Amino acid sequence: MTASRVSRLPSLQKTATGKQLHVDGKPYLILGAELQNSALSSSTYMKTAWPKLVGMNINTVLGSVTWEMIEPEEGRFDFTELDKVIEDARKYKLRLVLLWFGSFKNGKPTTTSSSCYFHDLIE
């Protein structure tokens, strides 16, 4: 990873009263939306969703990526559809937060195999 790439990673910066999210080196206010569970599995479907999200002044979209989307057959990995979704989000200047298949979805640990905690980031 190059130094310029590292400097562009999102980070939490200390302020006088707490912490502030920085993206591309600048303060960033998330104006977010969450997609239905399977929306990111289809770049065709998302082509109709991107303009609507932009029209609502959304700048960040949370969507889930399922195991079967990435590994449709055991041992065969295919990131093609996810790559298309990411490329299209970039065209609309939208940020994506991928809820990877190892994270909680809908607040329930029963829908995935493990959990992801962000508590340490804000402590």
N, C-alpha and C. Protein backbone atom coordinates (compact mmCIF):
# COMPACT_ATOMS: atom_id res chain seq x y z
N MET A 1 0.86 -1.18 0.00
CA MET A 1 0.00 0.00 0.00
C MET A 1 0.89 1.23 0.00
N THR A 2 0.62 2.16 -0.88
CA THR A 2 1.45 3.36 -0.98
C THR A 2 1.11 4.35 0.12
N ALA A 3 2.02 5.27 0.36
CA ALA A 3 1.81 6.28 1.40
C ALA A 3 0.60 7.15 1.09
N SER A 4 0.39 7.49 -0.20
CA SER A 4 -0.75 8.33 -0.55
C SER A 4 -2.07 7.58 -0.31
N ARG A 5 -2.06 6.28 -0.53
CA ARG A 5 -3.27 5.49 -0.30
C ARG A 5 -3.58 5.41 1.19
N VAL A 6 -2.54 5.22 2.00
CA VAL A 6 -2.72 5.13 3.44
C VAL A 6 -3.30 6.42 3.99
N SER A 7 -2.84 7.56 3.50
CA SER A 7 -3.32 8.84 4.02
C SER A 7 -4.79 9.07 3.68
N ARG A 8 -5.33 8.32 2.71
CA ARG A 8 -6.71 8.51 2.31
C ARG A 8 -7.67 7.60 3.09
N LEU A 9 -7.18 6.74 3.95
CA LEU A 9 -8.08 5.86 4.70
C LEU A 9 -8.92 6.69 5.66
N PRO A 10 -10.19 6.36 5.81
CA PRO A 10 -11.02 7.06 6.80
C PRO A 10 -10.44 6.89 8.19
N SER A 11 -10.62 7.90 9.03
CA SER A 11 -10.11 7.84 10.39
C SER A 11 -10.98 8.66 11.32
N LEU A 12 -10.86 8.37 12.61
CA LEU A 12 -11.51 9.18 13.63
C LEU A 12 -10.46 10.10 14.22
N GLN A 13 -10.72 11.39 14.18
CA GLN A 13 -9.79 12.39 14.70
C GLN A 13 -10.33 12.97 16.00
N LYS A 14 -9.43 13.14 16.97
CA LYS A 14 -9.83 13.74 18.24
C LYS A 14 -10.15 15.21 18.04
N THR A 15 -11.21 15.65 18.71
CA THR A 15 -11.56 17.06 18.74
C THR A 15 -11.61 17.49 20.21
N ALA A 16 -11.91 18.74 20.46
CA ALA A 16 -11.99 19.22 21.84
C ALA A 16 -13.11 18.54 22.62
N THR A 17 -14.15 18.09 21.92
CA THR A 17 -15.31 17.52 22.60
C THR A 17 -15.57 16.04 22.31
N GLY A 18 -14.72 15.42 21.49
CA GLY A 18 -14.96 14.01 21.16
C GLY A 18 -14.11 13.57 19.99
N LYS A 19 -14.73 12.86 19.08
CA LYS A 19 -14.04 12.40 17.87
C LYS A 19 -14.88 12.73 16.65
N GLN A 20 -14.19 12.89 15.52
CA GLN A 20 -14.86 13.27 14.28
C GLN A 20 -14.34 12.38 13.15
N LEU A 21 -15.25 11.88 12.33
CA LEU A 21 -14.89 11.06 11.18
C LEU A 21 -14.26 11.94 10.11
N HIS A 22 -13.12 11.50 9.58
CA HIS A 22 -12.46 12.18 8.47
C HIS A 22 -12.36 11.21 7.30
N VAL A 23 -12.74 11.66 6.12
CA VAL A 23 -12.64 10.90 4.89
C VAL A 23 -11.90 11.78 3.89
N ASP A 24 -10.91 11.22 3.22
CA ASP A 24 -10.06 11.98 2.30
C ASP A 24 -9.44 13.18 3.00
N GLY A 25 -9.12 13.01 4.28
CA GLY A 25 -8.44 14.07 5.03
C GLY A 25 -9.32 15.21 5.49
N LYS A 26 -10.64 15.09 5.29
CA LYS A 26 -11.55 16.18 5.67
C LYS A 26 -12.68 15.63 6.55
N PRO A 27 -13.26 16.48 7.42
CA PRO A 27 -14.42 16.03 8.20
C PRO A 27 -15.52 15.53 7.27
N TYR A 28 -16.19 14.47 7.69
CA TYR A 28 -17.20 13.84 6.85
C TYR A 28 -18.44 13.53 7.67
N LEU A 29 -19.56 14.08 7.24
CA LEU A 29 -20.84 13.80 7.87
C LEU A 29 -21.56 12.75 7.01
N ILE A 30 -21.82 11.59 7.60
CA ILE A 30 -22.52 10.54 6.86
C ILE A 30 -24.00 10.88 6.75
N LEU A 31 -24.47 10.98 5.53
CA LEU A 31 -25.90 11.09 5.24
C LEU A 31 -26.26 9.74 4.63
N GLY A 32 -26.61 8.81 5.48
CA GLY A 32 -26.65 7.41 5.09
C GLY A 32 -28.01 6.81 4.83
N ALA A 33 -27.94 5.72 4.08
CA ALA A 33 -29.11 4.90 3.80
C ALA A 33 -28.68 3.44 3.87
N GLU A 34 -29.59 2.57 4.28
CA GLU A 34 -29.32 1.14 4.33
C GLU A 34 -30.18 0.44 3.30
N LEU A 35 -29.54 -0.44 2.54
CA LEU A 35 -30.25 -1.19 1.50
C LEU A 35 -30.89 -2.44 2.09
N GLN A 36 -31.87 -2.97 1.36
CA GLN A 36 -32.44 -4.26 1.75
C GLN A 36 -31.35 -5.31 1.63
N ASN A 37 -31.53 -6.43 2.29
CA ASN A 37 -30.48 -7.44 2.42
C ASN A 37 -29.83 -7.86 1.11
N SER A 38 -30.57 -8.06 0.06
CA SER A 38 -30.01 -8.63 -1.17
C SER A 38 -29.74 -7.59 -2.27
N ALA A 39 -29.94 -6.32 -2.00
CA ALA A 39 -29.84 -5.30 -3.05
C ALA A 39 -28.47 -5.27 -3.72
N LEU A 40 -27.39 -5.39 -2.96
CA LEU A 40 -26.06 -5.31 -3.56
C LEU A 40 -25.71 -6.53 -4.39
N SER A 41 -26.51 -7.57 -4.34
CA SER A 41 -26.20 -8.78 -5.12
C SER A 41 -26.50 -8.59 -6.60
N SER A 42 -27.12 -7.47 -6.97
CA SER A 42 -27.47 -7.23 -8.37
C SER A 42 -27.07 -5.83 -8.80
N SER A 43 -26.05 -5.74 -9.65
CA SER A 43 -25.67 -4.42 -10.16
C SER A 43 -26.76 -3.85 -11.06
N THR A 44 -27.52 -4.73 -11.71
CA THR A 44 -28.64 -4.27 -12.55
C THR A 44 -29.69 -3.57 -11.69
N TYR A 45 -30.07 -4.18 -10.57
CA TYR A 45 -31.03 -3.56 -9.66
C TYR A 45 -30.46 -2.23 -9.13
N MET A 46 -29.20 -2.24 -8.74
CA MET A 46 -28.61 -1.04 -8.14
C MET A 46 -28.49 0.11 -9.14
N LYS A 47 -28.43 -0.18 -10.43
CA LYS A 47 -28.39 0.90 -11.43
C LYS A 47 -29.64 1.78 -11.33
N THR A 48 -30.76 1.21 -10.89
CA THR A 48 -31.98 2.01 -10.69
C THR A 48 -31.99 2.70 -9.33
N ALA A 49 -31.23 2.16 -8.38
CA ALA A 49 -31.24 2.71 -7.02
C ALA A 49 -30.29 3.89 -6.85
N TRP A 50 -29.12 3.87 -7.52
CA TRP A 50 -28.14 4.94 -7.33
C TRP A 50 -28.73 6.33 -7.56
N PRO A 51 -29.42 6.59 -8.68
CA PRO A 51 -29.96 7.94 -8.89
C PRO A 51 -30.97 8.35 -7.82
N LYS A 52 -31.74 7.39 -7.32
CA LYS A 52 -32.71 7.71 -6.26
C LYS A 52 -32.00 8.11 -4.97
N LEU A 53 -30.93 7.39 -4.65
CA LEU A 53 -30.16 7.71 -3.44
C LEU A 53 -29.52 9.10 -3.55
N VAL A 54 -28.95 9.39 -4.69
CA VAL A 54 -28.36 10.72 -4.92
C VAL A 54 -29.44 11.79 -4.82
N GLY A 55 -30.62 11.51 -5.38
CA GLY A 55 -31.73 12.45 -5.33
C GLY A 55 -32.21 12.75 -3.92
N MET A 56 -31.94 11.84 -2.98
CA MET A 56 -32.30 12.04 -1.57
C MET A 56 -31.14 12.66 -0.78
N ASN A 57 -30.10 13.09 -1.49
CA ASN A 57 -28.90 13.68 -0.86
C ASN A 57 -28.16 12.70 0.05
N ILE A 58 -28.24 11.43 -0.26
CA ILE A 58 -27.49 10.40 0.46
C ILE A 58 -26.05 10.45 -0.04
N ASN A 59 -25.08 10.29 0.87
CA ASN A 59 -23.69 10.23 0.44
C ASN A 59 -23.01 8.92 0.81
N THR A 60 -23.66 8.11 1.65
CA THR A 60 -23.09 6.86 2.13
C THR A 60 -24.17 5.79 2.17
N VAL A 61 -23.85 4.61 1.65
CA VAL A 61 -24.84 3.54 1.56
C VAL A 61 -24.29 2.29 2.25
N LEU A 62 -25.10 1.72 3.14
CA LEU A 62 -24.77 0.47 3.82
C LEU A 62 -25.48 -0.67 3.12
N GLY A 63 -24.72 -1.67 2.70
CA GLY A 63 -25.30 -2.83 2.04
C GLY A 63 -24.58 -4.10 2.43
N SER A 64 -25.28 -5.21 2.42
CA SER A 64 -24.67 -6.47 2.84
C SER A 64 -24.14 -7.26 1.65
N VAL A 65 -23.06 -7.97 1.91
CA VAL A 65 -22.45 -8.87 0.93
C VAL A 65 -22.55 -10.27 1.52
N THR A 66 -23.21 -11.16 0.82
CA THR A 66 -23.40 -12.51 1.34
C THR A 66 -22.31 -13.44 0.85
N TRP A 67 -22.10 -14.49 1.61
CA TRP A 67 -21.10 -15.48 1.25
C TRP A 67 -21.39 -16.08 -0.12
N GLU A 68 -22.66 -16.43 -0.35
CA GLU A 68 -23.00 -17.08 -1.63
C GLU A 68 -22.84 -16.15 -2.82
N MET A 69 -22.81 -14.85 -2.58
CA MET A 69 -22.56 -13.91 -3.67
C MET A 69 -21.11 -14.01 -4.13
N ILE A 70 -20.20 -14.21 -3.18
CA ILE A 70 -18.77 -14.25 -3.47
C ILE A 70 -18.29 -15.66 -3.83
N GLU A 71 -18.89 -16.67 -3.21
CA GLU A 71 -18.50 -18.06 -3.47
C GLU A 71 -19.73 -18.86 -3.87
N PRO A 72 -20.19 -18.69 -5.13
CA PRO A 72 -21.42 -19.37 -5.57
C PRO A 72 -21.30 -20.89 -5.58
N GLU A 73 -20.09 -21.37 -5.77
CA GLU A 73 -19.81 -22.81 -5.69
C GLU A 73 -18.59 -22.97 -4.80
N GLU A 74 -18.56 -24.00 -4.01
CA GLU A 74 -17.45 -24.20 -3.10
C GLU A 74 -16.12 -24.17 -3.85
N GLY A 75 -15.24 -23.29 -3.38
CA GLY A 75 -13.91 -23.17 -3.96
C GLY A 75 -13.82 -22.26 -5.18
N ARG A 76 -14.95 -21.74 -5.66
CA ARG A 76 -14.95 -20.83 -6.81
C ARG A 76 -15.42 -19.46 -6.35
N PHE A 77 -14.50 -18.51 -6.33
CA PHE A 77 -14.80 -17.17 -5.86
C PHE A 77 -15.02 -16.24 -7.04
N ASP A 78 -16.04 -15.40 -6.93
CA ASP A 78 -16.40 -14.51 -8.03
C ASP A 78 -16.79 -13.15 -7.46
N PHE A 79 -15.93 -12.17 -7.67
CA PHE A 79 -16.18 -10.81 -7.19
C PHE A 79 -16.74 -9.90 -8.28
N THR A 80 -17.09 -10.47 -9.42
CA THR A 80 -17.51 -9.68 -10.58
C THR A 80 -18.69 -8.77 -10.27
N GLU A 81 -19.74 -9.30 -9.70
CA GLU A 81 -20.94 -8.49 -9.42
C GLU A 81 -20.65 -7.41 -8.39
N LEU A 82 -19.92 -7.75 -7.35
CA LEU A 82 -19.56 -6.76 -6.33
C LEU A 82 -18.68 -5.68 -6.93
N ASP A 83 -17.74 -6.05 -7.79
CA ASP A 83 -16.90 -5.06 -8.46
C ASP A 83 -17.74 -4.08 -9.28
N LYS A 84 -18.77 -4.59 -9.97
CA LYS A 84 -19.66 -3.72 -10.75
C LYS A 84 -20.41 -2.75 -9.84
N VAL A 85 -20.89 -3.24 -8.71
CA VAL A 85 -21.62 -2.40 -7.77
C VAL A 85 -20.72 -1.29 -7.24
N ILE A 86 -19.50 -1.64 -6.87
CA ILE A 86 -18.55 -0.65 -6.35
C ILE A 86 -18.23 0.39 -7.43
N GLU A 87 -18.00 -0.06 -8.63
CA GLU A 87 -17.71 0.86 -9.74
C GLU A 87 -18.87 1.83 -9.97
N ASP A 88 -20.10 1.32 -9.95
CA ASP A 88 -21.26 2.19 -10.16
C ASP A 88 -21.45 3.17 -9.01
N ALA A 89 -21.20 2.74 -7.77
CA ALA A 89 -21.30 3.66 -6.63
C ALA A 89 -20.32 4.80 -6.79
N ARG A 90 -19.13 4.48 -7.26
CA ARG A 90 -18.11 5.53 -7.48
C ARG A 90 -18.56 6.50 -8.56
N LYS A 91 -19.21 6.00 -9.61
CA LYS A 91 -19.70 6.89 -10.67
C LYS A 91 -20.66 7.93 -10.11
N TYR A 92 -21.43 7.53 -9.10
CA TYR A 92 -22.40 8.45 -8.48
C TYR A 92 -21.81 9.17 -7.27
N LYS A 93 -20.50 8.98 -7.03
CA LYS A 93 -19.80 9.62 -5.92
C LYS A 93 -20.40 9.26 -4.57
N LEU A 94 -20.85 8.01 -4.46
CA LEU A 94 -21.40 7.51 -3.21
C LEU A 94 -20.37 6.63 -2.51
N ARG A 95 -20.31 6.73 -1.19
CA ARG A 95 -19.46 5.87 -0.38
C ARG A 95 -20.24 4.61 -0.02
N LEU A 96 -19.55 3.49 -0.01
CA LEU A 96 -20.18 2.23 0.37
C LEU A 96 -19.60 1.73 1.69
N VAL A 97 -20.49 1.29 2.56
CA VAL A 97 -20.08 0.57 3.76
C VAL A 97 -20.59 -0.85 3.53
N LEU A 98 -19.65 -1.78 3.38
CA LEU A 98 -20.04 -3.16 3.12
C LEU A 98 -20.18 -3.91 4.43
N LEU A 99 -21.36 -4.41 4.65
CA LEU A 99 -21.62 -5.26 5.81
C LEU A 99 -21.27 -6.67 5.35
N TRP A 100 -20.03 -7.05 5.62
CA TRP A 100 -19.50 -8.31 5.13
C TRP A 100 -20.20 -9.47 5.81
N PHE A 101 -20.21 -10.61 5.18
CA PHE A 101 -20.96 -11.77 5.65
C PHE A 101 -20.56 -12.23 7.04
N GLY A 102 -19.49 -11.73 7.61
CA GLY A 102 -19.09 -12.12 8.95
C GLY A 102 -19.62 -11.18 10.02
N SER A 103 -20.47 -10.21 9.66
CA SER A 103 -20.97 -9.22 10.60
C SER A 103 -22.43 -9.47 10.93
N PHE A 104 -22.91 -8.84 12.01
CA PHE A 104 -24.33 -8.90 12.36
C PHE A 104 -25.15 -8.21 11.28
N LYS A 105 -26.31 -8.71 11.00
CA LYS A 105 -27.27 -8.05 10.11
C LYS A 105 -28.60 -8.02 10.83
N ASN A 106 -29.28 -6.91 10.76
CA ASN A 106 -30.57 -6.72 11.43
C ASN A 106 -30.45 -6.86 12.94
N GLY A 107 -29.25 -6.60 13.47
CA GLY A 107 -29.04 -6.63 14.91
C GLY A 107 -29.06 -8.01 15.53
N LYS A 108 -29.01 -9.05 14.72
CA LYS A 108 -29.10 -10.41 15.25
C LYS A 108 -27.87 -11.23 14.88
N PRO A 109 -27.24 -11.85 15.87
CA PRO A 109 -26.08 -12.68 15.56
C PRO A 109 -26.47 -13.98 14.87
N THR A 110 -27.73 -14.32 14.85
CA THR A 110 -28.17 -15.58 14.26
C THR A 110 -28.15 -15.56 12.74
N THR A 111 -28.00 -14.37 12.14
CA THR A 111 -28.01 -14.30 10.68
C THR A 111 -26.63 -14.46 10.06
N THR A 112 -25.58 -14.48 10.90
CA THR A 112 -24.23 -14.62 10.37
C THR A 112 -23.39 -15.49 11.30
N SER A 113 -22.17 -15.75 10.88
CA SER A 113 -21.32 -16.65 11.64
C SER A 113 -20.50 -15.98 12.74
N SER A 114 -20.28 -14.70 12.67
CA SER A 114 -19.50 -14.03 13.71
C SER A 114 -19.95 -12.59 13.83
N SER A 115 -19.37 -11.88 14.81
CA SER A 115 -19.79 -10.50 15.02
C SER A 115 -18.67 -9.52 14.72
N CYS A 116 -19.05 -8.27 14.59
CA CYS A 116 -18.08 -7.22 14.33
C CYS A 116 -18.41 -6.07 15.28
N TYR A 117 -17.47 -5.69 16.11
CA TYR A 117 -17.72 -4.65 17.08
C TYR A 117 -16.90 -3.40 16.75
N PHE A 118 -17.51 -2.26 16.90
CA PHE A 118 -16.85 -0.98 16.63
C PHE A 118 -16.64 -0.19 17.92
N HIS A 119 -16.96 -0.79 19.05
CA HIS A 119 -16.86 -0.12 20.34
C HIS A 119 -15.47 0.46 20.58
N ASP A 120 -14.42 -0.29 20.25
CA ASP A 120 -13.07 0.17 20.49
C ASP A 120 -12.71 1.41 19.68
N LEU A 121 -13.36 1.61 18.54
CA LEU A 121 -13.08 2.79 17.72
C LEU A 121 -13.52 4.08 18.38
N ILE A 122 -14.58 4.02 19.16
CA ILE A 122 -15.13 5.26 19.73
C ILE A 122 -14.77 5.44 21.20
N GLU A 123 -14.11 4.49 21.81
CA GLU A 123 -13.70 4.61 23.21
C GLU A 123 -12.51 5.53 23.33
